[in-house]
């Protein structure tokens, strides 16, 4: 997966730099961070809906769309795949970090 993310980010960066007319990637960069974040939110919602509906093929497609838009956001914000990999590596080493949730007494 890490090679796929790295490759995707490289492709996004190349397309953004090329500034090709008609490129969706270039369109997102021209519109800026707000548009990119809006698309990330939309794609996340679509992932949730497809998963809730039990549609594996649709869920895989929506996850792919979300990862693309996250890659666009990463490139826009100067976040390298290695940054994410390093953070995931740190988290992978943690154990026993289950957060305790506030419990509400619904009878009161």
Protein backbone atom coordinates (compact mmCIF):
# COMPACT_ATOMS: atom_id res chain seq x y z
CA UNK A 1 0.00 0.00 0.00
CA UNK A 2 2.82 2.42 0.82
CA UNK A 3 4.19 2.18 -2.73
CA UNK A 4 0.73 2.86 -4.13
CA UNK A 5 0.30 5.95 -1.95
CA UNK A 6 3.79 7.19 -2.81
CA UNK A 7 3.16 6.65 -6.52
CA UNK A 8 -0.24 8.34 -6.32
CA UNK A 9 1.23 11.39 -4.56
CA UNK A 10 4.01 11.61 -7.15
CA UNK A 11 1.48 11.50 -9.99
CA UNK A 12 -0.69 14.15 -8.31
CA UNK A 13 2.35 16.41 -7.80
CA UNK A 14 3.45 15.96 -11.44
CA UNK A 15 -0.02 16.79 -12.75
CA UNK A 16 -0.35 19.81 -10.49
CA UNK A 17 3.02 21.09 -11.66
CA UNK A 18 2.17 20.52 -15.34
CA UNK A 19 -0.98 22.63 -15.03
CA UNK A 20 -2.67 20.81 -17.89
CA UNK A 21 -5.95 22.37 -18.99
CA UNK A 22 -8.90 20.02 -18.43
CA UNK A 23 -7.09 18.04 -15.70
CA UNK A 24 -9.27 17.37 -12.67
CA UNK A 25 -6.19 17.37 -10.45
CA UNK A 26 -5.18 20.81 -11.74
CA UNK A 27 -8.74 22.03 -11.23
CA UNK A 28 -8.60 21.01 -7.57
CA UNK A 29 -5.27 22.79 -7.07
CA UNK A 30 -6.59 25.93 -8.77
CA UNK A 31 -9.67 25.92 -6.54
CA UNK A 32 -7.54 25.52 -3.42
CA UNK A 33 -7.69 23.84 -0.06
CA UNK A 34 -11.36 24.50 0.67
CA UNK A 35 -12.44 22.68 -2.49
CA UNK A 36 -10.02 19.81 -1.85
CA UNK A 37 -11.30 19.40 1.72
CA UNK A 38 -14.90 19.55 0.53
CA UNK A 39 -14.18 16.72 -1.92
CA UNK A 40 -12.48 14.68 0.84
CA UNK A 41 -15.59 15.10 2.99
CA UNK A 42 -17.92 14.13 0.15
CA UNK A 43 -15.88 11.04 -0.66
CA UNK A 44 -15.75 9.99 3.00
CA UNK A 45 -19.54 10.23 3.17
CA UNK A 46 -19.81 8.09 0.06
CA UNK A 47 -17.49 5.48 1.61
CA UNK A 48 -19.69 5.33 4.69
CA UNK A 49 -22.91 5.00 2.69
CA UNK A 50 -21.51 2.27 0.43
CA UNK A 51 -20.18 0.34 3.44
CA UNK A 52 -23.44 0.73 5.35
CA UNK A 53 -25.28 -0.62 2.30
CA UNK A 54 -22.96 -3.64 2.22
CA UNK A 55 -21.83 -2.86 -1.33
CA UNK A 56 -18.25 -4.13 -1.41
CA UNK A 57 -17.50 -3.15 -5.01
CA UNK A 58 -18.94 0.32 -4.50
CA UNK A 59 -17.10 0.66 -1.18
CA UNK A 60 -13.78 -0.22 -2.81
CA UNK A 61 -14.43 2.36 -5.52
CA UNK A 62 -15.32 5.04 -3.00
CA UNK A 63 -12.25 4.23 -0.86
CA UNK A 64 -10.15 4.66 -4.00
CA UNK A 65 -11.78 8.04 -4.67
CA UNK A 66 -11.15 9.08 -1.06
CA UNK A 67 -7.50 8.03 -1.20
CA UNK A 68 -7.03 10.04 -4.40
CA UNK A 69 -8.52 13.16 -2.81
CA UNK A 70 -6.45 12.63 0.35
CA UNK A 71 -3.35 12.40 -1.85
CA UNK A 72 -4.30 15.72 -3.46
CA UNK A 73 -4.68 17.25 0.01
CA UNK A 74 -1.34 15.78 1.12
CA UNK A 75 0.49 17.22 -1.89
CA UNK A 76 -1.25 20.57 -1.49
CA UNK A 77 -0.22 20.73 2.17
CA UNK A 78 3.32 19.41 1.63
CA UNK A 79 2.71 16.18 3.52
CA UNK A 80 4.87 13.35 2.19
CA UNK A 81 3.71 9.72 2.29
CA UNK A 82 6.77 9.07 4.45
CA UNK A 83 5.34 11.45 7.07
CA UNK A 84 2.18 9.37 7.30
CA UNK A 85 4.13 6.10 7.25
CA UNK A 86 6.30 7.32 10.15
CA UNK A 87 3.23 8.26 12.20
CA UNK A 88 1.56 4.93 11.46
CA UNK A 89 4.78 3.17 12.45
CA UNK A 90 4.75 4.94 15.82
CA UNK A 91 1.12 4.05 16.39
CA UNK A 92 1.67 0.44 15.36
CA UNK A 93 4.10 0.03 18.27
CA UNK A 94 1.56 1.22 20.85
CA UNK A 95 -0.43 -1.31 22.83
CA UNK A 96 -2.99 -0.92 25.56
CA UNK A 97 -4.10 2.50 24.39
CA UNK A 98 -7.84 1.90 24.36
CA UNK A 99 -9.47 5.15 25.30
CA UNK A 100 -12.08 5.09 28.02
CA UNK A 101 -15.30 6.71 26.95
CA UNK A 102 -17.48 8.91 29.09
CA UNK A 103 -20.46 6.87 30.16
CA UNK A 104 -23.79 8.57 30.50
CA UNK A 105 -26.50 7.36 32.84
CA UNK A 106 -29.53 7.46 30.55
CA UNK A 107 -31.89 6.75 33.44
CA UNK A 108 -31.39 10.16 35.03
